[in-house]
Amino acid sequence: MVILLGDGAASTAAELCKLLIYDPGAMTRLLDRLEKKGVLRRVRAKGDRRTLRLELTAEGKRLYPRILEALVEVFNHLLRGFSKSEVRQLEDMLKRMVANA
């Protein structure tokens, strides 16, 4: 989630739910915990006060590269023994699955 916010792939809870295929109620609880830990904050959107945008705090921005590094390590571990073309093929198939969801 921190990665999606840091990369600009999502900026609201609804966008995160859509990208992660995640329950909105569970997302709210997760965001509450991350906000309490000082990782992110909710900010009213300027154009639409009903919309709460999510922003990483200074702590969230500090954690971002560490989380990204850990994620890359996990993916590299899981993809051991795959060729580059196999990884690309898997990525393409997963993207198609997400598009179908």
N, C-alpha and C. Protein backbone atom coordinates (compact mmCIF):
# COMPACT_ATOMS: atom_id res chain seq x y z
N MET A 1 0.82 -1.17 0.00
CA MET A 1 0.00 0.00 0.00
C MET A 1 0.88 1.25 0.00
N VAL A 2 1.91 1.27 0.83
CA VAL A 2 2.83 2.40 0.86
C VAL A 2 3.47 2.56 -0.52
N ILE A 3 3.76 1.45 -1.17
CA ILE A 3 4.36 1.50 -2.51
C ILE A 3 3.39 2.14 -3.50
N LEU A 4 2.13 1.75 -3.46
CA LEU A 4 1.14 2.32 -4.39
C LEU A 4 0.95 3.81 -4.15
N LEU A 5 0.95 4.23 -2.90
CA LEU A 5 0.83 5.65 -2.59
C LEU A 5 2.09 6.40 -3.00
N GLY A 6 3.24 5.83 -2.70
CA GLY A 6 4.51 6.46 -3.03
C GLY A 6 4.75 6.57 -4.52
N ASP A 7 4.29 5.59 -5.28
CA ASP A 7 4.45 5.60 -6.73
C ASP A 7 3.41 6.46 -7.43
N GLY A 8 2.39 6.88 -6.69
CA GLY A 8 1.32 7.66 -7.30
C GLY A 8 0.29 6.81 -8.03
N ALA A 9 0.32 5.49 -7.83
CA ALA A 9 -0.63 4.60 -8.49
C ALA A 9 -2.03 4.74 -7.89
N ALA A 10 -2.10 5.21 -6.66
CA ALA A 10 -3.39 5.41 -5.97
C ALA A 10 -3.25 6.59 -5.03
N SER A 11 -4.39 7.26 -4.80
CA SER A 11 -4.36 8.38 -3.85
C SER A 11 -5.59 8.42 -2.97
N THR A 12 -6.47 7.43 -3.11
CA THR A 12 -7.66 7.35 -2.25
C THR A 12 -7.84 5.90 -1.81
N ALA A 13 -8.64 5.72 -0.77
CA ALA A 13 -8.93 4.37 -0.29
C ALA A 13 -9.65 3.56 -1.37
N ALA A 14 -10.55 4.21 -2.11
CA ALA A 14 -11.28 3.51 -3.17
C ALA A 14 -10.33 3.02 -4.26
N GLU A 15 -9.37 3.83 -4.62
CA GLU A 15 -8.40 3.41 -5.63
C GLU A 15 -7.55 2.24 -5.13
N LEU A 16 -7.15 2.29 -3.87
CA LEU A 16 -6.39 1.17 -3.29
C LEU A 16 -7.21 -0.11 -3.31
N CYS A 17 -8.48 0.00 -2.91
CA CYS A 17 -9.36 -1.18 -2.90
C CYS A 17 -9.48 -1.79 -4.29
N LYS A 18 -9.63 -0.94 -5.29
CA LYS A 18 -9.76 -1.43 -6.66
C LYS A 18 -8.48 -2.11 -7.12
N LEU A 19 -7.34 -1.48 -6.88
CA LEU A 19 -6.06 -2.05 -7.31
C LEU A 19 -5.72 -3.35 -6.60
N LEU A 20 -6.03 -3.40 -5.31
CA LEU A 20 -5.66 -4.56 -4.49
C LEU A 20 -6.78 -5.59 -4.39
N ILE A 21 -7.95 -5.26 -4.96
CA ILE A 21 -9.13 -6.12 -4.85
C ILE A 21 -9.35 -6.44 -3.37
N TYR A 22 -9.60 -5.39 -2.61
CA TYR A 22 -9.63 -5.45 -1.15
C TYR A 22 -10.95 -4.89 -0.64
N ASP A 23 -11.44 -5.44 0.44
CA ASP A 23 -12.70 -5.02 1.05
C ASP A 23 -12.58 -3.60 1.60
N PRO A 24 -13.53 -2.70 1.27
CA PRO A 24 -13.46 -1.32 1.76
C PRO A 24 -13.44 -1.20 3.28
N GLY A 25 -14.20 -2.01 3.98
CA GLY A 25 -14.20 -1.95 5.44
C GLY A 25 -12.86 -2.33 6.03
N ALA A 26 -12.27 -3.39 5.48
CA ALA A 26 -10.95 -3.81 5.94
C ALA A 26 -9.91 -2.76 5.59
N MET A 27 -10.07 -2.11 4.43
CA MET A 27 -9.13 -1.07 4.02
C MET A 27 -9.18 0.10 5.01
N THR A 28 -10.38 0.49 5.42
CA THR A 28 -10.53 1.59 6.37
C THR A 28 -9.80 1.27 7.67
N ARG A 29 -9.94 0.05 8.16
CA ARG A 29 -9.26 -0.34 9.40
C ARG A 29 -7.74 -0.33 9.22
N LEU A 30 -7.28 -0.80 8.07
CA LEU A 30 -5.85 -0.81 7.80
C LEU A 30 -5.30 0.62 7.70
N LEU A 31 -6.03 1.49 7.02
CA LEU A 31 -5.61 2.89 6.91
C LEU A 31 -5.61 3.57 8.28
N ASP A 32 -6.60 3.25 9.11
CA ASP A 32 -6.63 3.79 10.48
C ASP A 32 -5.35 3.43 11.23
N ARG A 33 -4.92 2.16 11.11
CA ARG A 33 -3.71 1.72 11.81
C ARG A 33 -2.47 2.43 11.26
N LEU A 34 -2.39 2.55 9.93
CA LEU A 34 -1.23 3.22 9.34
C LEU A 34 -1.20 4.71 9.68
N GLU A 35 -2.38 5.32 9.77
CA GLU A 35 -2.45 6.72 10.16
C GLU A 35 -2.02 6.89 11.62
N LYS A 36 -2.47 5.98 12.47
CA LYS A 36 -2.11 6.04 13.89
C LYS A 36 -0.60 5.87 14.08
N LYS A 37 0.04 5.08 13.21
CA LYS A 37 1.49 4.87 13.29
C LYS A 37 2.27 6.00 12.62
N GLY A 38 1.55 6.94 12.01
CA GLY A 38 2.21 8.09 11.40
C GLY A 38 2.79 7.84 10.02
N VAL A 39 2.31 6.80 9.34
CA VAL A 39 2.82 6.45 8.01
C VAL A 39 2.11 7.25 6.91
N LEU A 40 0.83 7.52 7.12
CA LEU A 40 0.07 8.28 6.13
C LEU A 40 -0.92 9.19 6.84
N ARG A 41 -1.48 10.09 6.05
CA ARG A 41 -2.53 10.98 6.58
C ARG A 41 -3.62 11.11 5.53
N ARG A 42 -4.81 11.38 6.02
CA ARG A 42 -5.95 11.64 5.14
C ARG A 42 -6.12 13.15 5.03
N VAL A 43 -6.28 13.62 3.80
CA VAL A 43 -6.41 15.05 3.54
C VAL A 43 -7.61 15.26 2.64
N ARG A 44 -8.45 16.22 2.97
CA ARG A 44 -9.61 16.54 2.13
C ARG A 44 -9.14 17.03 0.77
N ALA A 45 -9.75 16.53 -0.29
CA ALA A 45 -9.42 16.98 -1.65
C ALA A 45 -9.90 18.41 -1.84
N LYS A 46 -9.13 19.21 -2.53
CA LYS A 46 -9.48 20.61 -2.73
C LYS A 46 -10.72 20.78 -3.59
N GLY A 47 -10.83 20.00 -4.65
CA GLY A 47 -11.97 20.13 -5.56
C GLY A 47 -13.25 19.50 -5.06
N ASP A 48 -13.14 18.52 -4.19
CA ASP A 48 -14.31 17.80 -3.69
C ASP A 48 -14.07 17.44 -2.23
N ARG A 49 -14.66 18.20 -1.33
CA ARG A 49 -14.39 18.02 0.10
C ARG A 49 -14.87 16.67 0.62
N ARG A 50 -15.72 15.97 -0.15
CA ARG A 50 -16.18 14.64 0.27
C ARG A 50 -15.08 13.59 0.12
N THR A 51 -14.11 13.87 -0.75
CA THR A 51 -13.06 12.92 -1.05
C THR A 51 -11.88 13.11 -0.10
N LEU A 52 -11.44 12.00 0.47
CA LEU A 52 -10.24 12.02 1.32
C LEU A 52 -9.08 11.44 0.52
N ARG A 53 -8.07 12.26 0.30
CA ARG A 53 -6.88 11.80 -0.39
C ARG A 53 -5.90 11.27 0.65
N LEU A 54 -5.11 10.31 0.25
CA LEU A 54 -4.12 9.72 1.14
C LEU A 54 -2.73 10.22 0.75
N GLU A 55 -1.97 10.63 1.74
CA GLU A 55 -0.61 11.11 1.52
C GLU A 55 0.33 10.41 2.50
N LEU A 56 1.51 10.09 2.01
CA LEU A 56 2.52 9.56 2.91
C LEU A 56 3.06 10.71 3.75
N THR A 57 3.27 10.44 5.02
CA THR A 57 3.91 11.41 5.91
C THR A 57 5.42 11.33 5.69
N ALA A 58 6.17 12.13 6.42
CA ALA A 58 7.63 12.05 6.36
C ALA A 58 8.09 10.64 6.74
N GLU A 59 7.44 10.05 7.73
CA GLU A 59 7.78 8.67 8.14
C GLU A 59 7.47 7.69 7.02
N GLY A 60 6.33 7.85 6.36
CA GLY A 60 5.96 6.98 5.24
C GLY A 60 6.95 7.10 4.10
N LYS A 61 7.39 8.32 3.81
CA LYS A 61 8.38 8.54 2.75
C LYS A 61 9.73 7.94 3.14
N ARG A 62 10.03 7.95 4.42
CA ARG A 62 11.28 7.34 4.90
C ARG A 62 11.23 5.83 4.75
N LEU A 63 10.06 5.24 5.02
CA LEU A 63 9.89 3.79 4.92
C LEU A 63 9.81 3.28 3.49
N TYR A 64 9.35 4.13 2.58
CA TYR A 64 9.10 3.72 1.20
C TYR A 64 10.27 2.97 0.56
N PRO A 65 11.50 3.50 0.55
CA PRO A 65 12.59 2.76 -0.10
C PRO A 65 12.91 1.43 0.58
N ARG A 66 12.74 1.37 1.88
CA ARG A 66 13.00 0.11 2.60
C ARG A 66 11.96 -0.94 2.24
N ILE A 67 10.70 -0.53 2.13
CA ILE A 67 9.64 -1.46 1.75
C ILE A 67 9.83 -1.92 0.31
N LEU A 68 10.19 -0.99 -0.57
CA LEU A 68 10.43 -1.34 -1.97
C LEU A 68 11.57 -2.34 -2.10
N GLU A 69 12.64 -2.12 -1.36
CA GLU A 69 13.78 -3.03 -1.38
C GLU A 69 13.36 -4.43 -0.90
N ALA A 70 12.59 -4.49 0.17
CA ALA A 70 12.13 -5.79 0.69
C ALA A 70 11.23 -6.48 -0.31
N LEU A 71 10.37 -5.72 -0.97
CA LEU A 71 9.47 -6.29 -1.97
C LEU A 71 10.26 -6.87 -3.15
N VAL A 72 11.26 -6.15 -3.60
CA VAL A 72 12.10 -6.64 -4.70
C VAL A 72 12.80 -7.93 -4.29
N GLU A 73 13.30 -7.99 -3.06
CA GLU A 73 13.95 -9.22 -2.57
C GLU A 73 12.99 -10.40 -2.58
N VAL A 74 11.76 -10.17 -2.13
CA VAL A 74 10.77 -11.25 -2.11
C VAL A 74 10.47 -11.73 -3.53
N PHE A 75 10.24 -10.78 -4.45
CA PHE A 75 9.95 -11.16 -5.84
C PHE A 75 11.13 -11.90 -6.47
N ASN A 76 12.34 -11.42 -6.22
CA ASN A 76 13.51 -12.11 -6.77
C ASN A 76 13.61 -13.53 -6.22
N HIS A 77 13.32 -13.70 -4.96
CA HIS A 77 13.35 -15.04 -4.36
C HIS A 77 12.29 -15.94 -5.00
N LEU A 78 11.08 -15.42 -5.16
CA LEU A 78 10.00 -16.22 -5.73
C LEU A 78 10.22 -16.56 -7.21
N LEU A 79 10.97 -15.72 -7.91
CA LEU A 79 11.16 -15.90 -9.34
C LEU A 79 12.50 -16.56 -9.68
N ARG A 80 13.17 -17.09 -8.67
CA ARG A 80 14.43 -17.81 -8.93
C ARG A 80 14.16 -18.93 -9.94
N GLY A 81 15.06 -19.07 -10.89
CA GLY A 81 14.93 -20.15 -11.87
C GLY A 81 14.06 -19.79 -13.07
N PHE A 82 13.39 -18.65 -13.04
CA PHE A 82 12.60 -18.21 -14.19
C PHE A 82 13.51 -17.41 -15.12
N SER A 83 13.33 -17.60 -16.43
CA SER A 83 14.06 -16.76 -17.39
C SER A 83 13.36 -15.40 -17.47
N LYS A 84 14.04 -14.41 -18.06
CA LYS A 84 13.44 -13.09 -18.21
C LYS A 84 12.16 -13.16 -19.04
N SER A 85 12.17 -13.98 -20.08
CA SER A 85 10.96 -14.08 -20.92
C SER A 85 9.82 -14.75 -20.15
N GLU A 86 10.14 -15.71 -19.28
CA GLU A 86 9.10 -16.34 -18.46
C GLU A 86 8.52 -15.34 -17.46
N VAL A 87 9.37 -14.51 -16.89
CA VAL A 87 8.89 -13.49 -15.95
C VAL A 87 7.97 -12.52 -16.67
N ARG A 88 8.36 -12.08 -17.87
CA ARG A 88 7.50 -11.17 -18.65
C ARG A 88 6.17 -11.83 -19.00
N GLN A 89 6.22 -13.09 -19.37
CA GLN A 89 5.00 -13.82 -19.71
C GLN A 89 4.09 -13.93 -18.48
N LEU A 90 4.66 -14.26 -17.33
CA LEU A 90 3.88 -14.34 -16.09
C LEU A 90 3.27 -12.99 -15.76
N GLU A 91 4.07 -11.94 -15.88
CA GLU A 91 3.57 -10.59 -15.59
C GLU A 91 2.39 -10.25 -16.51
N ASP A 92 2.52 -10.56 -17.80
CA ASP A 92 1.43 -10.29 -18.75
C ASP A 92 0.16 -11.06 -18.38
N MET A 93 0.32 -12.32 -18.00
CA MET A 93 -0.85 -13.11 -17.63
C MET A 93 -1.51 -12.59 -16.35
N LEU A 94 -0.70 -12.20 -15.38
CA LEU A 94 -1.25 -11.65 -14.14
C LEU A 94 -1.98 -10.34 -14.40
N LYS A 95 -1.44 -9.50 -15.27
CA LYS A 95 -2.12 -8.24 -15.62
C LYS A 95 -3.47 -8.54 -16.28
N ARG A 96 -3.51 -9.54 -17.13
CA ARG A 96 -4.79 -9.91 -17.77
C ARG A 96 -5.79 -10.41 -16.73
N MET A 97 -5.30 -11.18 -15.76
CA MET A 97 -6.19 -11.68 -14.69
C MET A 97 -6.77 -10.51 -13.89
N VAL A 98 -5.90 -9.56 -13.54
CA VAL A 98 -6.38 -8.39 -12.78
C VAL A 98 -7.39 -7.60 -13.60
N ALA A 99 -7.13 -7.45 -14.89
CA ALA A 99 -8.08 -6.72 -15.76
C ALA A 99 -9.43 -7.44 -15.80
N ASN A 100 -9.42 -8.75 -15.70
CA ASN A 100 -10.66 -9.53 -15.73
C ASN A 100 -11.42 -9.48 -14.41
N ALA A 101 -10.73 -9.11 -13.34
CA ALA A 101 -11.34 -9.15 -11.99
C ALA A 101 -12.39 -8.06 -11.84
